C-alpha cells in the first residue's frame, strides 16, 4: 500500500501531473498491479477501496460527562 500512497502524493505535488494524459503515463510506469493501475486511470473509487481494503465508514463520537449534582 505504500507504493500507491507515494504515487498519489507525487501526483498531488507535481503540477505537470494534473492533466489526464500525464496522469495516465505516470500511473502506467508505476510499479503497481494492473488492477490498481486500471482503477486509478478510470478513477474507479469503489474498486480502489476494495483493492486497498479501505475502511470507508469512520465514526467519531464526543460525549460530555454528566454533572455531579
PDB file of N, CA and C in Angstrom:
ATOM      1  N   UNK A   1       0.812  -1.187   0.000  1.00  0.00           N
ATOM      2  CA  UNK A   1       0.000   0.000   0.000  1.00  0.00           C
ATOM      3  C   UNK A   1       0.862   1.261   0.000  1.00  0.00           C
ATOM      4  N   UNK A   2       2.078   1.150   0.449  1.00  0.00           N
ATOM      5  CA  UNK A   2       2.973   2.298   0.495  1.00  0.00           C
ATOM      6  C   UNK A   2       3.224   2.875  -0.888  1.00  0.00           C
ATOM      7  N   UNK A   3       3.357   1.996  -1.881  1.00  0.00           N
ATOM      8  CA  UNK A   3       3.642   2.470  -3.238  1.00  0.00           C
ATOM      9  C   UNK A   3       2.520   3.342  -3.777  1.00  0.00           C
ATOM     10  N   UNK A   4       1.288   2.930  -3.560  1.00  0.00           N
ATOM     11  CA  UNK A   4       0.168   3.721  -4.088  1.00  0.00           C
ATOM     12  C   UNK A   4       0.044   5.047  -3.355  1.00  0.00           C
ATOM     13  N   UNK A   5       0.326   5.062  -2.064  1.00  0.00           N
ATOM     14  CA  UNK A   5       0.271   6.316  -1.311  1.00  0.00           C
ATOM     15  C   UNK A   5       1.358   7.268  -1.804  1.00  0.00           C
ATOM     16  N   UNK A   6       2.549   6.751  -2.047  1.00  0.00           N
ATOM     17  CA  UNK A   6       3.627   7.574  -2.568  1.00  0.00           C
ATOM     18  C   UNK A   6       3.291   8.096  -3.958  1.00  0.00           C
ATOM     19  N   UNK A   7       2.681   7.260  -4.783  1.00  0.00           N
ATOM     20  CA  UNK A   7       2.293   7.667  -6.130  1.00  0.00           C
ATOM     21  C   UNK A   7       1.255   8.795  -6.066  1.00  0.00           C
ATOM     22  N   UNK A   8       0.232   8.638  -5.227  1.00  0.00           N
ATOM     23  CA  UNK A   8      -0.789   9.670  -5.090  1.00  0.00           C
ATOM     24  C   UNK A   8      -0.199  10.969  -4.532  1.00  0.00           C
ATOM     25  N   UNK A   9       0.751  10.829  -3.614  1.00  0.00           N
ATOM     26  CA  UNK A   9       1.420  12.003  -3.063  1.00  0.00           C
ATOM     27  C   UNK A   9       2.177  12.752  -4.158  1.00  0.00           C
ATOM     28  N   UNK A  10       2.921  12.026  -4.987  1.00  0.00           N
ATOM     29  CA  UNK A  10       3.664  12.646  -6.079  1.00  0.00           C
ATOM     30  C   UNK A  10       2.722  13.331  -7.057  1.00  0.00           C
ATOM     31  N   UNK A  11       1.598  12.672  -7.362  1.00  0.00           N
ATOM     32  CA  UNK A  11       0.635  13.251  -8.294  1.00  0.00           C
ATOM     33  C   UNK A  11       0.066  14.554  -7.736  1.00  0.00           C
ATOM     34  N   UNK A  12      -0.138  14.620  -6.441  1.00  0.00           N
ATOM     35  CA  UNK A  12      -0.663  15.825  -5.826  1.00  0.00           C
ATOM     36  C   UNK A  12       0.343  16.955  -5.758  1.00  0.00           C
ATOM     37  N   UNK A  13       1.622  16.617  -5.723  1.00  0.00           N
ATOM     38  CA  UNK A  13       2.662  17.627  -5.589  1.00  0.00           C
ATOM     39  C   UNK A  13       3.168  18.166  -6.919  1.00  0.00           C
ATOM     40  N   UNK A  14       3.025  17.401  -7.985  1.00  0.00           N
ATOM     41  CA  UNK A  14       3.599  17.762  -9.282  1.00  0.00           C
ATOM     42  C   UNK A  14       2.524  18.378 -10.179  1.00  0.00           C
ATOM     43  N   UNK A  15       2.631  19.664 -10.449  1.00  0.00           N
ATOM     44  CA  UNK A  15       1.642  20.364 -11.274  1.00  0.00           C
ATOM     45  C   UNK A  15       1.564  19.781 -12.683  1.00  0.00           C
ATOM     46  N   UNK A  16       2.649  19.211 -13.174  1.00  0.00           N
ATOM     47  CA  UNK A  16       2.648  18.618 -14.518  1.00  0.00           C
ATOM     48  C   UNK A  16       1.764  17.377 -14.585  1.00  0.00           C
ATOM     49  N   UNK A  17       1.444  16.797 -13.429  1.00  0.00           N
ATOM     50  CA  UNK A  17       0.621  15.588 -13.400  1.00  0.00           C
ATOM     51  C   UNK A  17      -0.858  15.896 -13.179  1.00  0.00           C
ATOM     52  N   UNK A  18      -1.265  17.116 -13.431  1.00  0.00           N
ATOM     53  CA  UNK A  18      -2.667  17.479 -13.259  1.00  0.00           C
ATOM     54  C   UNK A  18      -3.491  17.212 -14.521  1.00  0.00           C
ATOM     55  N   UNK A  19      -2.845  16.885 -15.607  1.00  0.00           N
ATOM     56  CA  UNK A  19      -3.537  16.606 -16.864  1.00  0.00           C
ATOM     57  C   UNK A  19      -3.744  15.098 -17.016  1.00  0.00           C
ATOM     58  N   UNK A  20      -4.908  14.682 -17.520  1.00  0.00           N
ATOM     59  CA  UNK A  20      -5.224  13.244 -17.615  1.00  0.00           C
ATOM     60  C   UNK A  20      -4.179  12.417 -18.375  1.00  0.00           C
ATOM     61  N   UNK A  21      -3.642  12.944 -19.470  1.00  0.00           N
ATOM     62  CA  UNK A  21      -2.653  12.161 -20.226  1.00  0.00           C
ATOM     63  C   UNK A  21      -1.367  11.978 -19.427  1.00  0.00           C
ATOM     64  N   UNK A  22      -0.952  13.002 -18.712  1.00  0.00           N
ATOM     65  CA  UNK A  22       0.252  12.899 -17.895  1.00  0.00           C
ATOM     66  C   UNK A  22       0.021  11.933 -16.734  1.00  0.00           C
ATOM     67  N   UNK A  23      -1.173  11.975 -16.153  1.00  0.00           N
ATOM     68  CA  UNK A  23      -1.506  11.060 -15.065  1.00  0.00           C
ATOM     69  C   UNK A  23      -1.467   9.617 -15.552  1.00  0.00           C
ATOM     70  N   UNK A  24      -2.060   9.369 -16.709  1.00  0.00           N
ATOM     71  CA  UNK A  24      -2.089   8.008 -17.257  1.00  0.00           C
ATOM     72  C   UNK A  24      -0.679   7.486 -17.489  1.00  0.00           C
ATOM     73  N   UNK A  25       0.169   8.294 -18.111  1.00  0.00           N
ATOM     74  CA  UNK A  25       1.551   7.874 -18.371  1.00  0.00           C
ATOM     75  C   UNK A  25       2.293   7.611 -17.066  1.00  0.00           C
ATOM     76  N   UNK A  26       2.089   8.457 -16.072  1.00  0.00           N
ATOM     77  CA  UNK A  26       2.752   8.315 -14.783  1.00  0.00           C
ATOM     78  C   UNK A  26       2.292   7.040 -14.075  1.00  0.00           C
ATOM     79  N   UNK A  27       0.994   6.783 -14.093  1.00  0.00           N
ATOM     80  CA  UNK A  27       0.435   5.594 -13.444  1.00  0.00           C
ATOM     81  C   UNK A  27       0.912   4.325 -14.135  1.00  0.00           C
ATOM     82  N   UNK A  28       0.961   4.343 -15.459  1.00  0.00           N
ATOM     83  CA  UNK A  28       1.380   3.151 -16.213  1.00  0.00           C
ATOM     84  C   UNK A  28       2.833   2.776 -15.967  1.00  0.00           C
ATOM     85  N   UNK A  29       3.678   3.747 -15.672  1.00  0.00           N
ATOM     86  CA  UNK A  29       5.093   3.427 -15.421  1.00  0.00           C
ATOM     87  C   UNK A  29       5.347   3.029 -13.970  1.00  0.00           C
ATOM     88  N   UNK A  30       4.338   3.195 -13.125  1.00  0.00           N
ATOM     89  CA  UNK A  30       4.499   2.884 -11.701  1.00  0.00           C
ATOM     90  C   UNK A  30       4.506   1.376 -11.472  1.00  0.00           C
ATOM     91  N   UNK A  31       5.152   0.961 -10.407  1.00  0.00           N
ATOM     92  CA  UNK A  31       5.245  -0.463 -10.054  1.00  0.00           C
ATOM     93  C   UNK A  31       4.015  -0.875  -9.246  1.00  0.00           C
ATOM     94  N   UNK A  32       2.855  -0.832  -9.901  1.00  0.00           N
ATOM     95  CA  UNK A  32       1.595  -1.222  -9.272  1.00  0.00           C
ATOM     96  C   UNK A  32       0.986  -2.368 -10.062  1.00  0.00           C
ATOM     97  N   UNK A  33       0.058  -3.055  -9.438  1.00  0.00           N
ATOM     98  CA  UNK A  33      -0.629  -4.141 -10.152  1.00  0.00           C
ATOM     99  C   UNK A  33      -1.466  -3.539 -11.279  1.00  0.00           C
ATOM    100  N   UNK A  34      -1.761  -4.362 -12.268  1.00  0.00           N
ATOM    101  CA  UNK A  34      -2.586  -3.909 -13.388  1.00  0.00           C
ATOM    102  C   UNK A  34      -3.961  -3.450 -12.917  1.00  0.00           C
ATOM    103  N   UNK A  35      -4.508  -4.144 -11.919  1.00  0.00           N
ATOM    104  CA  UNK A  35      -5.827  -3.786 -11.401  1.00  0.00           C
ATOM    105  C   UNK A  35      -5.813  -2.399 -10.758  1.00  0.00           C
ATOM    106  N   UNK A  36      -4.771  -2.117  -9.971  1.00  0.00           N
ATOM    107  CA  UNK A  36      -4.660  -0.799  -9.347  1.00  0.00           C
ATOM    108  C   UNK A  36      -4.475   0.291 -10.396  1.00  0.00           C
ATOM    109  N   UNK A  37      -3.644   0.017 -11.386  1.00  0.00           N
ATOM    110  CA  UNK A  37      -3.431   1.000 -12.447  1.00  0.00           C
ATOM    111  C   UNK A  37      -4.732   1.301 -13.173  1.00  0.00           C
ATOM    112  N   UNK A  38      -5.483   0.266 -13.508  1.00  0.00           N
ATOM    113  CA  UNK A  38      -6.755   0.451 -14.208  1.00  0.00           C
ATOM    114  C   UNK A  38      -7.729   1.251 -13.354  1.00  0.00           C
ATOM    115  N   UNK A  39      -7.807   0.940 -12.077  1.00  0.00           N
ATOM    116  CA  UNK A  39      -8.715   1.658 -11.175  1.00  0.00           C
ATOM    117  C   UNK A  39      -8.326   3.130 -11.046  1.00  0.00           C
ATOM    118  N   UNK A  40      -7.043   3.406 -10.969  1.00  0.00           N
ATOM    119  CA  UNK A  40      -6.591   4.793 -10.869  1.00  0.00           C
ATOM    120  C   UNK A  40      -6.881   5.569 -12.148  1.00  0.00           C
ATOM    121  N   UNK A  41      -6.567   4.962 -13.280  1.00  0.00           N
ATOM    122  CA  UNK A  41      -6.767   5.637 -14.562  1.00  0.00           C
ATOM    123  C   UNK A  41      -8.242   5.913 -14.815  1.00  0.00           C
ATOM    124  N   UNK A  42      -9.076   4.953 -14.485  1.00  0.00           N
ATOM    125  CA  UNK A  42     -10.515   5.130 -14.704  1.00  0.00           C
ATOM    126  C   UNK A  42     -11.205   5.853 -13.546  1.00  0.00           C
ATOM    127  N   UNK A  43     -10.434   6.174 -12.507  1.00  0.00           N
ATOM    128  CA  UNK A  43     -10.930   6.850 -11.303  1.00  0.00           C
ATOM    129  C   UNK A  43     -12.095   6.092 -10.673  1.00  0.00           C
ATOM    130  N   UNK A  44     -11.921   4.774 -10.590  1.00  0.00           N
ATOM    131  CA  UNK A  44     -12.933   3.895 -10.009  1.00  0.00           C
ATOM    132  C   UNK A  44     -12.692   3.786  -8.501  1.00  0.00           C
ATOM    133  N   UNK A  45     -13.351   4.652  -7.759  1.00  0.00           N
ATOM    134  CA  UNK A  45     -13.144   4.746  -6.312  1.00  0.00           C
ATOM    135  C   UNK A  45     -13.531   3.453  -5.595  1.00  0.00           C
ATOM    136  N   UNK A  46     -14.642   2.865  -5.980  1.00  0.00           N
ATOM    137  CA  UNK A  46     -15.117   1.639  -5.323  1.00  0.00           C
ATOM    138  C   UNK A  46     -14.106   0.509  -5.497  1.00  0.00           C
ATOM    139  N   UNK A  47     -13.586   0.369  -6.689  1.00  0.00           N
ATOM    140  CA  UNK A  47     -12.584  -0.667  -6.945  1.00  0.00           C
ATOM    141  C   UNK A  47     -11.315  -0.410  -6.125  1.00  0.00           C
ATOM    142  N   UNK A  48     -10.882   0.838  -6.052  1.00  0.00           N
ATOM    143  CA  UNK A  48      -9.700   1.176  -5.253  1.00  0.00           C
ATOM    144  C   UNK A  48      -9.917   0.848  -3.784  1.00  0.00           C
ATOM    145  N   UNK A  49     -11.087   1.205  -3.260  1.00  0.00           N
ATOM    146  CA  UNK A  49     -11.388   0.907  -1.860  1.00  0.00           C
ATOM    147  C   UNK A  49     -11.334  -0.590  -1.598  1.00  0.00           C
ATOM    148  N   UNK A  50     -11.873  -1.383  -2.517  1.00  0.00           N
ATOM    149  CA  UNK A  50     -11.879  -2.833  -2.339  1.00  0.00           C
ATOM    150  C   UNK A  50     -10.465  -3.407  -2.415  1.00  0.00           C
ATOM    151  N   UNK A  51      -9.680  -2.957  -3.380  1.00  0.00           N
ATOM    152  CA  UNK A  51      -8.325  -3.481  -3.548  1.00  0.00           C
ATOM    153  C   UNK A  51      -7.414  -3.110  -2.388  1.00  0.00           C
ATOM    154  N   UNK A  52      -7.612  -1.915  -1.848  1.00  0.00           N
ATOM    155  CA  UNK A  52      -6.759  -1.448  -0.756  1.00  0.00           C
ATOM    156  C   UNK A  52      -7.326  -1.783   0.612  1.00  0.00           C
ATOM    157  N   UNK A  53      -8.508  -2.404   0.627  1.00  0.00           N
ATOM    158  CA  UNK A  53      -9.187  -2.777   1.866  1.00  0.00           C
ATOM    159  C   UNK A  53      -9.326  -1.561   2.782  1.00  0.00           C
ATOM    160  N   UNK A  54      -9.850  -0.491   2.191  1.00  0.00           N
ATOM    161  CA  UNK A  54     -10.014   0.774   2.896  1.00  0.00           C
ATOM    162  C   UNK A  54     -11.322   0.762   3.662  1.00  0.00           C
ATOM    163  N   UNK A  55     -11.273   1.273   4.841  1.00  0.00           N
ATOM    164  CA  UNK A  55     -12.470   1.394   5.662  1.00  0.00           C
ATOM    165  C   UNK A  55     -13.116   2.737   5.373  1.00  0.00           C
ATOM    166  N   UNK A  56     -14.290   2.716   4.791  1.00  0.00           N
ATOM    167  CA  UNK A  56     -14.931   3.966   4.379  1.00  0.00           C
ATOM    168  C   UNK A  56     -15.859   4.533   5.436  1.00  0.00           C
ATOM    169  N   UNK A  57     -16.311   3.718   6.360  1.00  0.00           N
ATOM    170  CA  UNK A  57     -17.227   4.180   7.391  1.00  0.00           C
ATOM    171  C   UNK A  57     -16.470   4.407   8.693  1.00  0.00           C
ATOM    172  N   UNK A  58     -16.137   5.653   8.940  1.00  0.00           N
ATOM    173  CA  UNK A  58     -15.436   6.010  10.162  1.00  0.00           C
ATOM    174  C   UNK A  58     -16.360   6.915  10.969  1.00  0.00           C
ATOM    175  N   UNK A  59     -16.540   6.588  12.218  1.00  0.00           N
ATOM    176  CA  UNK A  59     -17.457   7.327  13.072  1.00  0.00           C
ATOM    177  C   UNK A  59     -16.676   7.930  14.232  1.00  0.00           C
ATOM    178  N   UNK A  60     -16.990   9.172  14.536  1.00  0.00           N
ATOM    179  CA  UNK A  60     -16.371   9.852  15.671  1.00  0.00           C
ATOM    180  C   UNK A  60     -17.492  10.317  16.593  1.00  0.00           C
ATOM    181  N   UNK A  61     -17.321  10.100  17.854  1.00  0.00           N
ATOM    182  CA  UNK A  61     -18.350  10.475  18.821  1.00  0.00           C
ATOM    183  C   UNK A  61     -17.703  11.204  19.985  1.00  0.00           C
ATOM    184  N   UNK A  62     -18.362  12.265  20.422  1.00  0.00           N
ATOM    185  CA  UNK A  62     -17.897  13.017  21.587  1.00  0.00           C
ATOM    186  C   UNK A  62     -19.070  13.118  22.553  1.00  0.00           C
ATOM    187  N   UNK A  63     -18.814  12.777  23.783  1.00  0.00           N
ATOM    188  CA  UNK A  63     -19.894  12.893  24.780  1.00  0.00           C
ATOM    189  C   UNK A  63     -19.384  13.710  25.964  1.00  0.00           C
ATOM    190  N   UNK A  64     -20.296  14.475  26.512  1.00  0.00           N
ATOM    191  CA  UNK A  64     -19.978  15.280  27.684  1.00  0.00           C
ATOM    192  C   UNK A  64     -20.226  14.467  28.928  1.00  0.00           C
ATOM    193  N   UNK A  65     -19.380  14.610  29.922  1.00  0.00           N
ATOM    194  CA  UNK A  65     -19.663  13.935  31.194  1.00  0.00           C
ATOM    195  C   UNK A  65     -20.862  14.591  31.878  1.00  0.00           C
ATOM    196  N   UNK A  66     -21.611  13.806  32.588  1.00  0.00           N
ATOM    197  CA  UNK A  66     -22.773  14.353  33.303  1.00  0.00           C
ATOM    198  C   UNK A  66     -22.302  15.138  34.522  1.00  0.00           C
ATOM    199  N   UNK A  67     -23.076  16.172  34.860  1.00  0.00           N
ATOM    200  CA  UNK A  67     -22.755  16.979  36.042  1.00  0.00           C
ATOM    201  C   UNK A  67     -23.045  16.172  37.291  1.00  0.00           C
ATOM    202  N   UNK A  68     -22.199  16.313  38.305  1.00  0.00           N
ATOM    203  CA  UNK A  68     -22.400  15.649  39.589  1.00  0.00           C
ATOM    204  C   UNK A  68     -23.113  16.596  40.536  1.00  0.00           C
ATOM    205  N   UNK A  69     -24.419  16.565  40.558  1.00  0.00           N
ATOM    206  CA  UNK A  69     -25.184  17.431  41.460  1.00  0.00           C
ATOM    207  C   UNK A  69     -25.995  16.634  42.409  1.00  0.00           C
TER     208      UNK A  69
END
